[in-house]
């Protein structure tokens, strides 16, 4: 049911942005930004139970620190995606592309400790 409310809010925001663009185009960017932050906040609230479940599961399944690393990676992905979409809306596709590249580079750097642990485990198995 929450998705219907979010879709209705998004449609209202879209109509408002179209109307504002006709009269005062300089107010469209703040409207988009505020509405995007509001909708992402609502989505984050909806994800809270799932995040708690995954955190509990991660503490049981993954080694210490791996679950928090996966959560950080998810947050990085969502934040970079949102900011890149906002840059594209403003006509700055090059900035969006560079931001997405930097986000991917950060994810690779975040994954290095996991890869090191994996390689150490593989070496231990092969040495056995």
N, C-alpha and C. Protein backbone atom coordinates (compact mmCIF):
# COMPACT_ATOMS: atom_id res chain seq x y z
N UNK A 1 0.81 -1.19 0.00
CA UNK A 1 0.00 0.00 0.00
C UNK A 1 0.86 1.27 0.00
N UNK A 2 2.03 1.18 0.62
CA UNK A 2 2.91 2.34 0.68
C UNK A 2 3.41 2.74 -0.71
N UNK A 3 3.59 1.76 -1.58
CA UNK A 3 4.07 2.09 -2.92
C UNK A 3 3.05 2.93 -3.68
N UNK A 4 1.75 2.70 -3.43
CA UNK A 4 0.73 3.52 -4.06
C UNK A 4 0.81 4.96 -3.58
N UNK A 5 1.05 5.14 -2.29
CA UNK A 5 1.19 6.49 -1.74
C UNK A 5 2.42 7.18 -2.32
N UNK A 6 3.52 6.44 -2.41
CA UNK A 6 4.74 7.02 -2.97
C UNK A 6 4.56 7.39 -4.44
N UNK A 7 3.88 6.52 -5.18
CA UNK A 7 3.63 6.82 -6.60
C UNK A 7 2.72 8.03 -6.75
N UNK A 8 1.71 8.13 -5.89
CA UNK A 8 0.82 9.29 -5.93
C UNK A 8 1.59 10.57 -5.61
N UNK A 9 2.46 10.50 -4.60
CA UNK A 9 3.27 11.67 -4.26
C UNK A 9 4.20 12.04 -5.41
N UNK A 10 4.79 11.04 -6.07
CA UNK A 10 5.68 11.30 -7.20
C UNK A 10 4.92 11.94 -8.36
N UNK A 11 3.73 11.49 -8.60
CA UNK A 11 2.93 12.08 -9.68
C UNK A 11 2.55 13.53 -9.36
N UNK A 12 2.19 13.79 -8.11
CA UNK A 12 1.88 15.17 -7.70
C UNK A 12 3.10 16.07 -7.85
N UNK A 13 4.25 15.55 -7.46
CA UNK A 13 5.49 16.32 -7.58
C UNK A 13 5.80 16.59 -9.05
N UNK A 14 5.59 15.58 -9.90
CA UNK A 14 5.84 15.76 -11.32
C UNK A 14 4.93 16.82 -11.93
N UNK A 15 3.66 16.77 -11.57
CA UNK A 15 2.72 17.78 -12.07
C UNK A 15 3.12 19.16 -11.56
N UNK A 16 3.50 19.24 -10.30
CA UNK A 16 3.94 20.52 -9.74
C UNK A 16 5.17 21.04 -10.46
N UNK A 17 6.11 20.14 -10.77
CA UNK A 17 7.34 20.56 -11.47
C UNK A 17 7.02 21.07 -12.87
N UNK A 18 6.09 20.41 -13.55
CA UNK A 18 5.71 20.86 -14.90
C UNK A 18 5.05 22.24 -14.83
N UNK A 19 4.18 22.42 -13.84
CA UNK A 19 3.53 23.72 -13.70
C UNK A 19 4.51 24.82 -13.31
N UNK A 20 5.41 24.51 -12.39
CA UNK A 20 6.39 25.50 -11.95
C UNK A 20 7.33 25.84 -13.09
N UNK A 21 7.69 24.86 -13.91
CA UNK A 21 8.60 25.11 -15.04
C UNK A 21 8.02 26.13 -16.01
N UNK A 22 6.70 26.13 -16.16
CA UNK A 22 6.07 27.07 -17.08
C UNK A 22 6.16 28.51 -16.59
N UNK A 23 6.10 28.70 -15.28
CA UNK A 23 6.06 30.06 -14.74
C UNK A 23 7.39 30.53 -14.15
N UNK A 24 8.02 29.69 -13.37
CA UNK A 24 9.29 30.05 -12.72
C UNK A 24 10.25 28.86 -12.82
N UNK A 25 10.96 28.77 -13.92
CA UNK A 25 11.80 27.60 -14.17
C UNK A 25 12.96 27.48 -13.16
N UNK A 26 13.34 28.58 -12.54
CA UNK A 26 14.45 28.51 -11.58
C UNK A 26 14.07 27.78 -10.29
N UNK A 27 12.77 27.57 -10.06
CA UNK A 27 12.33 26.86 -8.86
C UNK A 27 12.19 25.36 -9.08
N UNK A 28 12.40 24.91 -10.30
CA UNK A 28 12.23 23.47 -10.58
C UNK A 28 13.32 22.65 -9.90
N UNK A 29 14.56 23.10 -9.95
CA UNK A 29 15.66 22.34 -9.34
C UNK A 29 15.47 22.17 -7.83
N UNK A 30 15.19 23.23 -7.06
CA UNK A 30 14.94 23.01 -5.63
C UNK A 30 13.76 22.08 -5.36
N UNK A 31 12.72 22.20 -6.20
CA UNK A 31 11.56 21.32 -6.03
C UNK A 31 11.95 19.86 -6.28
N UNK A 32 12.70 19.60 -7.33
CA UNK A 32 13.15 18.24 -7.62
C UNK A 32 14.05 17.71 -6.51
N UNK A 33 14.96 18.53 -6.06
CA UNK A 33 15.90 18.09 -5.02
C UNK A 33 15.16 17.77 -3.73
N UNK A 34 14.30 18.67 -3.30
CA UNK A 34 13.56 18.44 -2.06
C UNK A 34 12.65 17.22 -2.17
N UNK A 35 12.00 17.07 -3.30
CA UNK A 35 11.11 15.92 -3.47
C UNK A 35 11.91 14.63 -3.55
N UNK A 36 13.06 14.66 -4.19
CA UNK A 36 13.89 13.47 -4.25
C UNK A 36 14.38 13.04 -2.88
N UNK A 37 14.81 14.01 -2.07
CA UNK A 37 15.24 13.70 -0.71
C UNK A 37 14.07 13.15 0.11
N UNK A 38 12.89 13.75 -0.05
CA UNK A 38 11.72 13.28 0.68
C UNK A 38 11.36 11.84 0.29
N UNK A 39 11.32 11.57 -1.01
CA UNK A 39 10.96 10.22 -1.47
C UNK A 39 12.03 9.20 -1.08
N UNK A 40 13.30 9.59 -1.14
CA UNK A 40 14.35 8.66 -0.71
C UNK A 40 14.27 8.41 0.79
N UNK A 41 13.92 9.44 1.55
CA UNK A 41 13.74 9.24 2.99
C UNK A 41 12.60 8.29 3.29
N UNK A 42 11.50 8.43 2.55
CA UNK A 42 10.38 7.49 2.72
C UNK A 42 10.79 6.07 2.35
N UNK A 43 11.57 5.95 1.29
CA UNK A 43 12.06 4.63 0.90
C UNK A 43 12.99 4.04 1.94
N UNK A 44 13.81 4.89 2.55
CA UNK A 44 14.72 4.42 3.60
C UNK A 44 13.94 3.94 4.82
N UNK A 45 12.87 4.65 5.15
CA UNK A 45 12.02 4.23 6.28
C UNK A 45 11.39 2.87 5.97
N UNK A 46 10.96 2.69 4.73
CA UNK A 46 10.37 1.41 4.34
C UNK A 46 11.39 0.27 4.38
N UNK A 47 12.65 0.59 4.13
CA UNK A 47 13.70 -0.42 4.13
C UNK A 47 14.22 -0.77 5.51
N UNK A 48 13.84 -0.04 6.54
CA UNK A 48 14.39 -0.25 7.88
C UNK A 48 14.21 -1.69 8.38
N UNK A 49 13.01 -2.29 8.29
CA UNK A 49 12.89 -3.67 8.76
C UNK A 49 13.77 -4.65 7.97
N UNK A 50 13.86 -4.44 6.66
CA UNK A 50 14.69 -5.32 5.84
C UNK A 50 16.17 -5.16 6.22
N UNK A 51 16.58 -3.93 6.49
CA UNK A 51 17.98 -3.69 6.87
C UNK A 51 18.29 -4.36 8.21
N UNK A 52 17.36 -4.29 9.16
CA UNK A 52 17.56 -4.96 10.46
C UNK A 52 17.69 -6.47 10.27
N UNK A 53 16.83 -7.03 9.43
CA UNK A 53 16.90 -8.46 9.15
C UNK A 53 18.23 -8.83 8.53
N UNK A 54 18.64 -8.08 7.52
CA UNK A 54 19.91 -8.37 6.85
C UNK A 54 21.10 -8.19 7.78
N UNK A 55 21.01 -7.20 8.67
CA UNK A 55 22.10 -6.99 9.63
C UNK A 55 22.21 -8.18 10.58
N UNK A 56 21.07 -8.65 11.08
CA UNK A 56 21.08 -9.82 11.95
C UNK A 56 21.57 -11.06 11.23
N UNK A 57 21.12 -11.24 10.00
CA UNK A 57 21.57 -12.36 9.19
C UNK A 57 23.06 -12.25 8.90
N UNK A 58 23.50 -11.04 8.60
CA UNK A 58 24.91 -10.82 8.30
C UNK A 58 25.80 -11.11 9.48
N UNK A 59 25.35 -10.82 10.69
CA UNK A 59 26.16 -11.08 11.87
C UNK A 59 26.28 -12.58 12.13
N UNK A 60 25.26 -13.33 11.73
CA UNK A 60 25.32 -14.78 11.91
C UNK A 60 26.09 -15.47 10.79
N UNK A 61 26.00 -14.96 9.57
CA UNK A 61 26.58 -15.65 8.42
C UNK A 61 27.99 -15.15 8.10
N UNK A 62 28.17 -13.84 8.11
CA UNK A 62 29.44 -13.26 7.69
C UNK A 62 30.38 -13.09 8.87
N UNK A 63 31.66 -12.95 8.55
CA UNK A 63 32.65 -12.67 9.57
C UNK A 63 32.48 -11.24 10.08
N UNK A 64 33.16 -10.93 11.14
CA UNK A 64 33.07 -9.60 11.75
C UNK A 64 33.46 -8.53 10.74
N UNK A 65 32.60 -7.55 10.57
CA UNK A 65 32.88 -6.42 9.70
C UNK A 65 32.38 -6.58 8.27
N UNK A 66 32.16 -7.81 7.83
CA UNK A 66 31.72 -8.00 6.45
C UNK A 66 30.30 -7.52 6.23
N UNK A 67 29.43 -7.73 7.21
CA UNK A 67 28.04 -7.28 7.06
C UNK A 67 27.98 -5.76 7.00
N UNK A 68 28.74 -5.09 7.86
CA UNK A 68 28.73 -3.62 7.82
C UNK A 68 29.35 -3.11 6.52
N UNK A 69 30.30 -3.85 5.98
CA UNK A 69 30.91 -3.46 4.72
C UNK A 69 29.89 -3.56 3.58
N UNK A 70 29.08 -4.60 3.61
CA UNK A 70 28.05 -4.76 2.59
C UNK A 70 26.99 -3.66 2.72
N UNK A 71 26.65 -3.28 3.94
CA UNK A 71 25.68 -2.20 4.15
C UNK A 71 26.24 -0.87 3.65
N UNK A 72 27.53 -0.64 3.90
CA UNK A 72 28.15 0.59 3.39
C UNK A 72 28.14 0.61 1.87
N UNK A 73 28.40 -0.54 1.26
CA UNK A 73 28.39 -0.61 -0.20
C UNK A 73 27.00 -0.30 -0.74
N UNK A 74 25.97 -0.81 -0.09
CA UNK A 74 24.60 -0.54 -0.51
C UNK A 74 24.28 0.95 -0.39
N UNK A 75 24.70 1.57 0.70
CA UNK A 75 24.47 3.01 0.89
C UNK A 75 25.21 3.83 -0.17
N UNK A 76 26.43 3.44 -0.47
CA UNK A 76 27.20 4.14 -1.50
C UNK A 76 26.49 4.05 -2.85
N UNK A 77 26.01 2.84 -3.18
CA UNK A 77 25.32 2.66 -4.45
C UNK A 77 24.08 3.53 -4.55
N UNK A 78 23.27 3.54 -3.51
CA UNK A 78 22.04 4.33 -3.54
C UNK A 78 22.32 5.82 -3.62
N UNK A 79 23.28 6.30 -2.84
CA UNK A 79 23.60 7.71 -2.82
C UNK A 79 24.17 8.18 -4.16
N UNK A 80 25.09 7.41 -4.72
CA UNK A 80 25.69 7.78 -6.01
C UNK A 80 24.64 7.76 -7.10
N UNK A 81 23.77 6.76 -7.09
CA UNK A 81 22.72 6.67 -8.11
C UNK A 81 21.78 7.88 -8.04
N UNK A 82 21.37 8.26 -6.82
CA UNK A 82 20.49 9.40 -6.65
C UNK A 82 21.16 10.69 -7.10
N UNK A 83 22.38 10.92 -6.69
CA UNK A 83 23.08 12.15 -7.06
C UNK A 83 23.36 12.21 -8.56
N UNK A 84 23.68 11.08 -9.17
CA UNK A 84 23.92 11.05 -10.62
C UNK A 84 22.63 11.35 -11.38
N UNK A 85 21.52 10.82 -10.91
CA UNK A 85 20.24 11.12 -11.57
C UNK A 85 19.91 12.60 -11.44
N UNK A 86 20.22 13.18 -10.30
CA UNK A 86 19.98 14.60 -10.10
C UNK A 86 20.86 15.43 -11.04
N UNK A 87 22.11 15.02 -11.21
CA UNK A 87 23.00 15.72 -12.15
C UNK A 87 22.48 15.61 -13.58
N UNK A 88 21.99 14.44 -13.95
CA UNK A 88 21.44 14.27 -15.30
C UNK A 88 20.21 15.15 -15.51
N UNK A 89 19.37 15.27 -14.48
CA UNK A 89 18.20 16.13 -14.58
C UNK A 89 18.58 17.58 -14.83
N UNK A 90 19.72 17.97 -14.31
CA UNK A 90 20.19 19.35 -14.49
C UNK A 90 20.96 19.52 -15.79
N UNK A 91 21.06 18.46 -16.58
CA UNK A 91 21.75 18.55 -17.85
C UNK A 91 23.24 18.32 -17.77
N UNK A 92 23.73 17.85 -16.66
CA UNK A 92 25.16 17.61 -16.47
C UNK A 92 25.46 16.11 -16.53
N UNK A 93 25.32 15.54 -17.71
CA UNK A 93 25.53 14.10 -17.85
C UNK A 93 26.99 13.71 -17.66
N UNK A 94 27.92 14.59 -18.01
CA UNK A 94 29.33 14.29 -17.81
C UNK A 94 29.66 14.20 -16.33
N UNK A 95 29.12 15.12 -15.54
CA UNK A 95 29.34 15.08 -14.09
C UNK A 95 28.74 13.80 -13.51
N UNK A 96 27.56 13.42 -14.00
CA UNK A 96 26.91 12.20 -13.52
C UNK A 96 27.75 10.97 -13.85
N UNK A 97 28.30 10.93 -15.03
CA UNK A 97 29.13 9.81 -15.44
C UNK A 97 30.39 9.72 -14.58
N UNK A 98 31.02 10.86 -14.33
CA UNK A 98 32.22 10.88 -13.48
C UNK A 98 31.89 10.48 -12.05
N UNK A 99 30.74 10.91 -11.55
CA UNK A 99 30.32 10.54 -10.21
C UNK A 99 30.09 9.04 -10.11
N UNK A 100 29.44 8.46 -11.11
CA UNK A 100 29.22 7.01 -11.11
C UNK A 100 30.55 6.25 -11.16
N UNK A 101 31.50 6.76 -11.95
CA UNK A 101 32.82 6.14 -12.00
C UNK A 101 33.51 6.18 -10.64
N UNK A 102 33.44 7.34 -9.98
CA UNK A 102 34.06 7.48 -8.67
C UNK A 102 33.38 6.56 -7.64
N UNK A 103 32.06 6.42 -7.74
CA UNK A 103 31.35 5.51 -6.84
C UNK A 103 31.78 4.07 -7.05
N UNK A 104 31.96 3.67 -8.31
CA UNK A 104 32.42 2.31 -8.59
C UNK A 104 33.84 2.09 -8.09
N UNK A 105 34.68 3.11 -8.22
CA UNK A 105 36.04 3.00 -7.71
C UNK A 105 36.03 2.85 -6.19
N UNK A 106 35.14 3.58 -5.52
CA UNK A 106 35.04 3.46 -4.07
C UNK A 106 34.57 2.07 -3.66
N UNK A 107 33.66 1.50 -4.43
CA UNK A 107 33.20 0.14 -4.14
C UNK A 107 34.32 -0.88 -4.32
N UNK A 108 35.15 -0.68 -5.33
CA UNK A 108 36.28 -1.58 -5.53
C UNK A 108 37.24 -1.49 -4.35
N UNK A 109 37.52 -0.27 -3.90
CA UNK A 109 38.39 -0.09 -2.73
C UNK A 109 37.78 -0.72 -1.48
N UNK A 110 36.48 -0.63 -1.36
CA UNK A 110 35.78 -1.22 -0.22
C UNK A 110 35.85 -2.74 -0.25
N UNK A 111 35.93 -3.32 -1.45
CA UNK A 111 35.93 -4.78 -1.60
C UNK A 111 37.32 -5.40 -1.41
N UNK A 112 38.37 -4.60 -1.41
CA UNK A 112 39.72 -5.15 -1.31
C UNK A 112 39.93 -6.00 -0.06
N UNK A 113 39.52 -5.56 1.14
CA UNK A 113 39.70 -6.43 2.31
C UNK A 113 38.96 -7.77 2.18
N UNK A 114 37.78 -7.75 1.57
CA UNK A 114 37.05 -9.00 1.37
C UNK A 114 37.81 -9.92 0.42
N UNK A 115 38.37 -9.35 -0.64
CA UNK A 115 39.15 -10.15 -1.58
C UNK A 115 40.41 -10.71 -0.93
N UNK A 116 41.04 -9.93 -0.06
CA UNK A 116 42.22 -10.42 0.64
C UNK A 116 41.88 -11.60 1.55
N UNK A 117 40.75 -11.51 2.25
CA UNK A 117 40.33 -12.62 3.10
C UNK A 117 40.01 -13.85 2.27
N UNK A 118 39.36 -13.65 1.14
CA UNK A 118 39.02 -14.76 0.26
C UNK A 118 40.28 -15.44 -0.27
N UNK A 119 41.26 -14.64 -0.70
CA UNK A 119 42.51 -15.21 -1.20
C UNK A 119 43.27 -15.94 -0.10
N UNK A 120 43.25 -15.42 1.12
CA UNK A 120 43.90 -16.10 2.25
C UNK A 120 43.22 -17.44 2.53
N UNK A 121 41.90 -17.49 2.44
CA UNK A 121 41.18 -18.75 2.65
C UNK A 121 41.50 -19.75 1.54
N UNK A 122 41.58 -19.28 0.31
CA UNK A 122 41.92 -20.16 -0.81
C UNK A 122 43.34 -20.71 -0.65
N UNK A 123 44.28 -19.85 -0.25
CA UNK A 123 45.65 -20.30 -0.02
C UNK A 123 45.71 -21.34 1.09
N UNK A 124 44.92 -21.12 2.16
CA UNK A 124 44.90 -22.09 3.26
C UNK A 124 44.35 -23.44 2.81
N UNK A 125 43.32 -23.41 1.97
CA UNK A 125 42.72 -24.64 1.48
C UNK A 125 43.70 -25.37 0.56
N UNK A 126 44.39 -24.62 -0.30
CA UNK A 126 45.34 -25.22 -1.22
C UNK A 126 46.57 -25.78 -0.48
N UNK A 127 46.97 -25.14 0.61
CA UNK A 127 48.12 -25.59 1.38
C UNK A 127 47.77 -26.81 2.24
N UNK A 128 46.54 -27.09 2.42
CA UNK A 128 46.11 -28.19 3.26
C UNK A 128 46.44 -29.45 2.59
